[in-house]
PDB file of N, CA and C in Angstrom:
ATOM      1  N   MET A   1      35.102  16.598  16.609  1.00  0.00           N
ATOM      2  CA  MET A   1      36.158  16.826  15.651  1.00  0.00           C
ATOM      3  C   MET A   1      35.542  17.506  14.421  1.00  0.00           C
ATOM      4  N   MET A   2      36.134  18.594  13.995  1.00  0.00           N
ATOM      5  CA  MET A   2      35.590  19.373  12.892  1.00  0.00           C
ATOM      6  C   MET A   2      36.008  18.806  11.535  1.00  0.00           C
ATOM      7  N   ASP A   3      35.034  18.740  10.605  1.00  0.00           N
ATOM      8  CA  ASP A   3      35.322  18.351   9.227  1.00  0.00           C
ATOM      9  C   ASP A   3      35.984  19.519   8.508  1.00  0.00           C
ATOM     10  N   VAL A   4      37.075  19.230   7.804  1.00  0.00           N
ATOM     11  CA  VAL A   4      37.794  20.252   7.039  1.00  0.00           C
ATOM     12  C   VAL A   4      38.078  19.694   5.651  1.00  0.00           C
ATOM     13  N   GLY A   5      37.614  20.404   4.625  1.00  0.00           N
ATOM     14  CA  GLY A   5      37.839  19.979   3.253  1.00  0.00           C
ATOM     15  C   GLY A   5      39.119  20.579   2.701  1.00  0.00           C
ATOM     16  N   PHE A   6      39.866  19.768   1.946  1.00  0.00           N
ATOM     17  CA  PHE A   6      41.117  20.214   1.318  1.00  0.00           C
ATOM     18  C   PHE A   6      41.001  20.047  -0.186  1.00  0.00           C
ATOM     19  N   ILE A   7      41.254  21.134  -0.913  1.00  0.00           N
ATOM     20  CA  ILE A   7      41.233  21.137  -2.368  1.00  0.00           C
ATOM     21  C   ILE A   7      42.626  21.558  -2.832  1.00  0.00           C
ATOM     22  N   GLY A   8      43.195  20.834  -3.779  1.00  0.00           N
ATOM     23  CA  GLY A   8      44.511  21.179  -4.295  1.00  0.00           C
ATOM     24  C   GLY A   8      45.659  20.669  -3.447  1.00  0.00           C
ATOM     25  N   TRP A   9      45.421  19.622  -2.684  1.00  0.00           N
ATOM     26  CA  TRP A   9      46.421  19.086  -1.753  1.00  0.00           C
ATOM     27  C   TRP A   9      47.542  18.336  -2.450  1.00  0.00           C
ATOM     28  N   ARG A  10      47.411  18.013  -3.742  1.00  0.00           N
ATOM     29  CA  ARG A  10      48.467  17.278  -4.443  1.00  0.00           C
ATOM     30  C   ARG A  10      49.450  18.195  -5.158  1.00  0.00           C
ATOM     31  N   GLY A  11      49.144  19.457  -5.276  1.00  0.00           N
ATOM     32  CA  GLY A  11      50.018  20.392  -5.974  1.00  0.00           C
ATOM     33  C   GLY A  11      51.204  20.818  -5.126  1.00  0.00           C
ATOM     34  N   MET A  12      51.978  21.761  -5.649  1.00  0.00           N
ATOM     35  CA  MET A  12      53.192  22.210  -4.975  1.00  0.00           C
ATOM     36  C   MET A  12      52.889  22.820  -3.599  1.00  0.00           C
ATOM     37  N   VAL A  13      51.961  23.727  -3.542  1.00  0.00           N
ATOM     38  CA  VAL A  13      51.609  24.370  -2.269  1.00  0.00           C
ATOM     39  C   VAL A  13      50.913  23.376  -1.349  1.00  0.00           C
ATOM     40  N   GLY A  14      49.965  22.624  -1.896  1.00  0.00           N
ATOM     41  CA  GLY A  14      49.210  21.674  -1.087  1.00  0.00           C
ATOM     42  C   GLY A  14      50.068  20.574  -0.499  1.00  0.00           C
ATOM     43  N   SER A  15      51.039  20.078  -1.264  1.00  0.00           N
ATOM     44  CA  SER A  15      51.890  19.001  -0.748  1.00  0.00           C
ATOM     45  C   SER A  15      52.771  19.478   0.403  1.00  0.00           C
ATOM     46  N   VAL A  16      53.210  20.724   0.336  1.00  0.00           N
ATOM     47  CA  VAL A  16      53.981  21.284   1.455  1.00  0.00           C
ATOM     48  C   VAL A  16      53.078  21.437   2.679  1.00  0.00           C
ATOM     49  N   LEU A  17      51.857  21.903   2.460  1.00  0.00           N
ATOM     50  CA  LEU A  17      50.906  22.024   3.570  1.00  0.00           C
ATOM     51  C   LEU A  17      50.650  20.661   4.208  1.00  0.00           C
ATOM     52  N   MET A  18      50.424  19.615   3.393  1.00  0.00           N
ATOM     53  CA  MET A  18      50.180  18.268   3.922  1.00  0.00           C
ATOM     54  C   MET A  18      51.366  17.802   4.770  1.00  0.00           C
ATOM     55  N   GLN A  19      52.577  18.011   4.279  1.00  0.00           N
ATOM     56  CA  GLN A  19      53.781  17.608   5.013  1.00  0.00           C
ATOM     57  C   GLN A  19      53.860  18.322   6.362  1.00  0.00           C
ATOM     58  N   ARG A  20      53.647  19.619   6.354  1.00  0.00           N
ATOM     59  CA  ARG A  20      53.736  20.387   7.612  1.00  0.00           C
ATOM     60  C   ARG A  20      52.621  20.006   8.584  1.00  0.00           C
ATOM     61  N   MET A  21      51.445  19.737   8.065  1.00  0.00           N
ATOM     62  CA  MET A  21      50.349  19.334   8.954  1.00  0.00           C
ATOM     63  C   MET A  21      50.617  17.959   9.561  1.00  0.00           C
ATOM     64  N   ARG A  22      51.212  17.042   8.783  1.00  0.00           N
ATOM     65  CA  ARG A  22      51.590  15.728   9.341  1.00  0.00           C
ATOM     66  C   ARG A  22      52.632  15.915  10.440  1.00  0.00           C
ATOM     67  N   GLU A  23      53.665  16.712  10.162  1.00  0.00           N
ATOM     68  CA  GLU A  23      54.735  16.935  11.135  1.00  0.00           C
ATOM     69  C   GLU A  23      54.215  17.587  12.409  1.00  0.00           C
ATOM     70  N   SER A  24      53.258  18.474  12.270  1.00  0.00           N
ATOM     71  CA  SER A  24      52.693  19.178  13.430  1.00  0.00           C
ATOM     72  C   SER A  24      51.574  18.402  14.111  1.00  0.00           C
ATOM     73  N   LYS A  25      51.222  17.235  13.534  1.00  0.00           N
ATOM     74  CA  LYS A  25      50.135  16.395  14.052  1.00  0.00           C
ATOM     75  C   LYS A  25      48.780  17.110  14.030  1.00  0.00           C
ATOM     76  N   ASP A  26      48.616  18.033  13.078  1.00  0.00           N
ATOM     77  CA  ASP A  26      47.363  18.768  12.944  1.00  0.00           C
ATOM     78  C   ASP A  26      46.202  17.866  12.557  1.00  0.00           C
ATOM     79  N   PHE A  27      46.479  16.779  11.827  1.00  0.00           N
ATOM     80  CA  PHE A  27      45.403  15.891  11.390  1.00  0.00           C
ATOM     81  C   PHE A  27      44.782  15.121  12.554  1.00  0.00           C
ATOM     82  N   GLU A  28      45.413  15.124  13.701  1.00  0.00           N
ATOM     83  CA  GLU A  28      44.838  14.475  14.882  1.00  0.00           C
ATOM     84  C   GLU A  28      43.678  15.276  15.457  1.00  0.00           C
ATOM     85  N   ARG A  29      43.581  16.552  15.077  1.00  0.00           N
ATOM     86  CA  ARG A  29      42.568  17.447  15.649  1.00  0.00           C
ATOM     87  C   ARG A  29      41.404  17.735  14.714  1.00  0.00           C
ATOM     88  N   ILE A  30      41.468  17.208  13.481  1.00  0.00           N
ATOM     89  CA  ILE A  30      40.403  17.467  12.516  1.00  0.00           C
ATOM     90  C   ILE A  30      40.007  16.173  11.815  1.00  0.00           C
ATOM     91  N   ALA A  31      38.885  16.242  11.128  1.00  0.00           N
ATOM     92  CA  ALA A  31      38.431  15.134  10.276  1.00  0.00           C
ATOM     93  C   ALA A  31      38.578  15.614   8.833  1.00  0.00           C
ATOM     94  N   PRO A  32      39.714  15.312   8.180  1.00  0.00           N
ATOM     95  CA  PRO A  32      39.942  15.832   6.834  1.00  0.00           C
ATOM     96  C   PRO A  32      39.113  15.126   5.775  1.00  0.00           C
ATOM     97  N   VAL A  33      38.680  15.909   4.799  1.00  0.00           N
ATOM     98  CA  VAL A  33      37.999  15.385   3.617  1.00  0.00           C
ATOM     99  C   VAL A  33      38.785  15.934   2.427  1.00  0.00           C
ATOM    100  N   PHE A  34      39.336  15.048   1.604  1.00  0.00           N
ATOM    101  CA  PHE A  34      40.160  15.469   0.481  1.00  0.00           C
ATOM    102  C   PHE A  34      39.350  15.449  -0.803  1.00  0.00           C
ATOM    103  N   PHE A  35      39.496  16.520  -1.592  1.00  0.00           N
ATOM    104  CA  PHE A  35      38.786  16.670  -2.855  1.00  0.00           C
ATOM    105  C   PHE A  35      39.786  16.726  -3.995  1.00  0.00           C
ATOM    106  N   SER A  36      39.343  16.313  -5.173  1.00  0.00           N
ATOM    107  CA  SER A  36      40.191  16.367  -6.357  1.00  0.00           C
ATOM    108  C   SER A  36      39.346  16.686  -7.577  1.00  0.00           C
ATOM    109  N   THR A  37      39.943  17.410  -8.515  1.00  0.00           N
ATOM    110  CA  THR A  37      39.293  17.682  -9.800  1.00  0.00           C
ATOM    111  C   THR A  37      39.723  16.662 -10.848  1.00  0.00           C
ATOM    112  N   SER A  38      40.636  15.746 -10.506  1.00  0.00           N
ATOM    113  CA  SER A  38      41.169  14.750 -11.446  1.00  0.00           C
ATOM    114  C   SER A  38      40.226  13.565 -11.599  1.00  0.00           C
ATOM    115  N   LYS A  39      40.279  12.960 -12.770  1.00  0.00           N
ATOM    116  CA  LYS A  39      39.559  11.715 -13.041  1.00  0.00           C
ATOM    117  C   LYS A  39      40.573  10.704 -13.539  1.00  0.00           C
ATOM    118  N   PRO A  40      40.619   9.484 -13.073  1.00  0.00           N
ATOM    119  CA  PRO A  40      39.873   9.006 -11.914  1.00  0.00           C
ATOM    120  C   PRO A  40      40.393   9.649 -10.639  1.00  0.00           C
ATOM    121  N   LEU A  41      39.579   9.622  -9.613  1.00  0.00           N
ATOM    122  CA  LEU A  41      39.968  10.229  -8.344  1.00  0.00           C
ATOM    123  C   LEU A  41      41.177   9.497  -7.758  1.00  0.00           C
ATOM    124  N   PRO A  42      42.140  10.248  -7.230  1.00  0.00           N
ATOM    125  CA  PRO A  42      43.341   9.629  -6.652  1.00  0.00           C
ATOM    126  C   PRO A  42      43.072   9.033  -5.277  1.00  0.00           C
ATOM    127  N   GLN A  43      44.053   8.349  -4.750  1.00  0.00           N
ATOM    128  CA  GLN A  43      43.994   7.860  -3.374  1.00  0.00           C
ATOM    129  C   GLN A  43      44.243   9.038  -2.431  1.00  0.00           C
ATOM    130  N   PRO A  44      43.648   9.021  -1.236  1.00  0.00           N
ATOM    131  CA  PRO A  44      43.918  10.105  -0.290  1.00  0.00           C
ATOM    132  C   PRO A  44      45.372  10.056   0.173  1.00  0.00           C
ATOM    133  N   PRO A  45      45.871  11.174   0.670  1.00  0.00           N
ATOM    134  CA  PRO A  45      47.250  11.182   1.152  1.00  0.00           C
ATOM    135  C   PRO A  45      47.401  10.363   2.429  1.00  0.00           C
ATOM    136  N   ASP A  46      48.614   9.935   2.697  1.00  0.00           N
ATOM    137  CA  ASP A  46      48.915   9.213   3.932  1.00  0.00           C
ATOM    138  C   ASP A  46      49.096  10.237   5.037  1.00  0.00           C
ATOM    139  N   ILE A  47      48.136  10.273   5.939  1.00  0.00           N
ATOM    140  CA  ILE A  47      48.235  11.221   7.056  1.00  0.00           C
ATOM    141  C   ILE A  47      48.429  10.494   8.383  1.00  0.00           C
ATOM    142  N   GLY A  48      48.704   9.200   8.307  1.00  0.00           N
ATOM    143  CA  GLY A  48      48.947   8.436   9.524  1.00  0.00           C
ATOM    144  C   GLY A  48      47.726   7.730  10.078  1.00  0.00           C
ATOM    145  N   ARG A  49      46.593   7.870   9.407  1.00  0.00           N
ATOM    146  CA  ARG A  49      45.373   7.155   9.805  1.00  0.00           C
ATOM    147  C   ARG A  49      44.460   7.061   8.600  1.00  0.00           C
ATOM    148  N   GLU A  50      43.455   6.220   8.713  1.00  0.00           N
ATOM    149  CA  GLU A  50      42.529   6.025   7.606  1.00  0.00           C
ATOM    150  C   GLU A  50      41.616   7.239   7.446  1.00  0.00           C
ATOM    151  N   VAL A  51      41.385   7.615   6.194  1.00  0.00           N
ATOM    152  CA  VAL A  51      40.477   8.723   5.886  1.00  0.00           C
ATOM    153  C   VAL A  51      39.534   8.265   4.770  1.00  0.00           C
ATOM    154  N   PRO A  52      38.420   8.964   4.597  1.00  0.00           N
ATOM    155  CA  PRO A  52      37.482   8.579   3.534  1.00  0.00           C
ATOM    156  C   PRO A  52      38.128   8.698   2.150  1.00  0.00           C
ATOM    157  N   ALA A  53      37.510   8.056   1.179  1.00  0.00           N
ATOM    158  CA  ALA A  53      37.967   8.159  -0.209  1.00  0.00           C
ATOM    159  C   ALA A  53      37.920   9.622  -0.650  1.00  0.00           C
ATOM    160  N   VAL A  54      38.752   9.951  -1.610  1.00  0.00           N
ATOM    161  CA  VAL A  54      38.796  11.308  -2.151  1.00  0.00           C
ATOM    162  C   VAL A  54      37.461  11.613  -2.833  1.00  0.00           C
ATOM    163  N   ALA A  55      36.952  12.807  -2.556  1.00  0.00           N
ATOM    164  CA  ALA A  55      35.668  13.235  -3.110  1.00  0.00           C
ATOM    165  C   ALA A  55      35.890  14.062  -4.385  1.00  0.00           C
ATOM    166  N   ASP A  56      34.841  14.168  -5.173  1.00  0.00           N
ATOM    167  CA  ASP A  56      34.873  14.900  -6.431  1.00  0.00           C
ATOM    168  C   ASP A  56      34.692  16.402  -6.150  1.00  0.00           C
ATOM    169  N   ALA A  57      35.708  17.206  -6.455  1.00  0.00           N
ATOM    170  CA  ALA A  57      35.674  18.637  -6.137  1.00  0.00           C
ATOM    171  C   ALA A  57      34.531  19.401  -6.804  1.00  0.00           C
ATOM    172  N   PRO A  58      34.093  19.046  -8.016  1.00  0.00           N
ATOM    173  CA  PRO A  58      32.956  19.774  -8.596  1.00  0.00           C
ATOM    174  C   PRO A  58      31.612  19.517  -7.905  1.00  0.00           C
ATOM    175  N   ASP A  59      31.566  18.653  -6.909  1.00  0.00           N
ATOM    176  CA  ASP A  59      30.325  18.386  -6.167  1.00  0.00           C
ATOM    177  C   ASP A  59      30.100  19.526  -5.168  1.00  0.00           C
ATOM    178  N   ILE A  60      29.501  20.592  -5.648  1.00  0.00           N
ATOM    179  CA  ILE A  60      29.323  21.808  -4.848  1.00  0.00           C
ATOM    180  C   ILE A  60      28.515  21.549  -3.578  1.00  0.00           C
ATOM    181  N   GLU A  61      27.524  20.692  -3.643  1.00  0.00           N
ATOM    182  CA  GLU A  61      26.714  20.403  -2.447  1.00  0.00           C
ATOM    183  C   GLU A  61      27.571  19.794  -1.342  1.00  0.00           C
ATOM    184  N   TRP A  62      28.487  18.914  -1.683  1.00  0.00           N
ATOM    185  CA  TRP A  62      29.387  18.289  -0.701  1.00  0.00           C
ATOM    186  C   TRP A  62      30.294  19.355  -0.113  1.00  0.00           C
ATOM    187  N   LEU A  63      30.823  20.238  -0.964  1.00  0.00           N
ATOM    188  CA  LEU A  63      31.687  21.323  -0.474  1.00  0.00           C
ATOM    189  C   LEU A  63      30.921  22.250   0.476  1.00  0.00           C
ATOM    190  N   LYS A  64      29.693  22.591   0.114  1.00  0.00           N
ATOM    191  CA  LYS A  64      28.888  23.508   0.941  1.00  0.00           C
ATOM    192  C   LYS A  64      28.544  22.910   2.297  1.00  0.00           C
ATOM    193  N   ALA A  65      28.561  21.598   2.407  1.00  0.00           N
ATOM    194  CA  ALA A  65      28.203  20.930   3.663  1.00  0.00           C
ATOM    195  C   ALA A  65      29.319  21.014   4.710  1.00  0.00           C
ATOM    196  N   LEU A  66      30.513  21.371   4.288  1.00  0.00           N
ATOM    197  CA  LEU A  66      31.647  21.419   5.227  1.00  0.00           C
ATOM    198  C   LEU A  66      31.789  22.803   5.842  1.00  0.00           C
ATOM    199  N   PRO A  67      32.116  22.871   7.142  1.00  0.00           N
ATOM    200  CA  PRO A  67      32.253  24.176   7.796  1.00  0.00           C
ATOM    201  C   PRO A  67      33.533  24.916   7.403  1.00  0.00           C
ATOM    202  N   VAL A  68      34.570  24.174   6.971  1.00  0.00           N
ATOM    203  CA  VAL A  68      35.858  24.789   6.617  1.00  0.00           C
ATOM    204  C   VAL A  68      36.371  24.159   5.329  1.00  0.00           C
ATOM    205  N   LEU A  69      36.831  25.007   4.406  1.00  0.00           N
ATOM    206  CA  LEU A  69      37.482  24.545   3.182  1.00  0.00           C
ATOM    207  C   LEU A  69      38.846  25.224   3.079  1.00  0.00           C
ATOM    208  N   VAL A  70      39.873  24.435   2.764  1.00  0.00           N
ATOM    209  CA  VAL A  70      41.211  24.958   2.535  1.00  0.00           C
ATOM    210  C   VAL A  70      41.522  24.704   1.069  1.00  0.00           C
ATOM    211  N   SER A  71      41.728  25.781   0.309  1.00  0.00           N
ATOM    212  CA  SER A  71      41.995  25.626  -1.117  1.00  0.00           C
ATOM    213  C   SER A  71      43.443  26.001  -1.425  1.00  0.00           C
ATOM    214  N   CYS A  72      44.154  25.044  -1.975  1.00  0.00           N
ATOM    215  CA  CYS A  72      45.527  25.265  -2.431  1.00  0.00           C
ATOM    216  C   CYS A  72      45.557  25.240  -3.953  1.00  0.00           C
ATOM    217  N   GLU A  73      44.404  25.175  -4.553  1.00  0.00           N
ATOM    218  CA  GLU A  73      44.247  25.079  -6.004  1.00  0.00           C
ATOM    219  C   GLU A  73      44.477  26.458  -6.617  1.00  0.00           C
ATOM    220  N   GLY A  74      45.310  26.535  -7.635  1.00  0.00           N
ATOM    221  CA  GLY A  74      45.606  27.826  -8.229  1.00  0.00           C
ATOM    222  C   GLY A  74      45.146  27.942  -9.666  1.00  0.00           C
ATOM    223  N   GLY A  75      44.284  27.062 -10.106  1.00  0.00           N
ATOM    224  CA  GLY A  75      43.879  27.071 -11.509  1.00  0.00           C
ATOM    225  C   GLY A  75      42.496  27.653 -11.717  1.00  0.00           C
ATOM    226  N   ASP A  76      41.875  27.237 -12.815  1.00  0.00           N
ATOM    227  CA  ASP A  76      40.546  27.730 -13.170  1.00  0.00           C
ATOM    228  C   ASP A  76      39.478  27.347 -12.161  1.00  0.00           C
ATOM    229  N   TYR A  77      39.705  26.234 -11.438  1.00  0.00           N
ATOM    230  CA  TYR A  77      38.698  25.758 -10.491  1.00  0.00           C
ATOM    231  C   TYR A  77      38.345  26.827  -9.455  1.00  0.00           C
ATOM    232  N   THR A  78      39.361  27.468  -8.888  1.00  0.00           N
ATOM    233  CA  THR A  78      39.099  28.456  -7.832  1.00  0.00           C
ATOM    234  C   THR A  78      38.668  29.770  -8.413  1.00  0.00           C
TER     235      THR A  78
END
């Protein structure tokens, strides 16, 4: 199962993506890792199964370790 990082999943675009991925059962085929630029870090989204705690998006080394990153973030971060 491939690790896929998600940045900006709580915003307008990201929340629609999360909803569609849940409906399509896409999360059954990947190991999602959710990142946030907010402090304190939020709870991960409900995708129908347990996932790791939300990671800190400014941790570049953690981001670089993932083979796929999906960014829905539209601010200064990207």
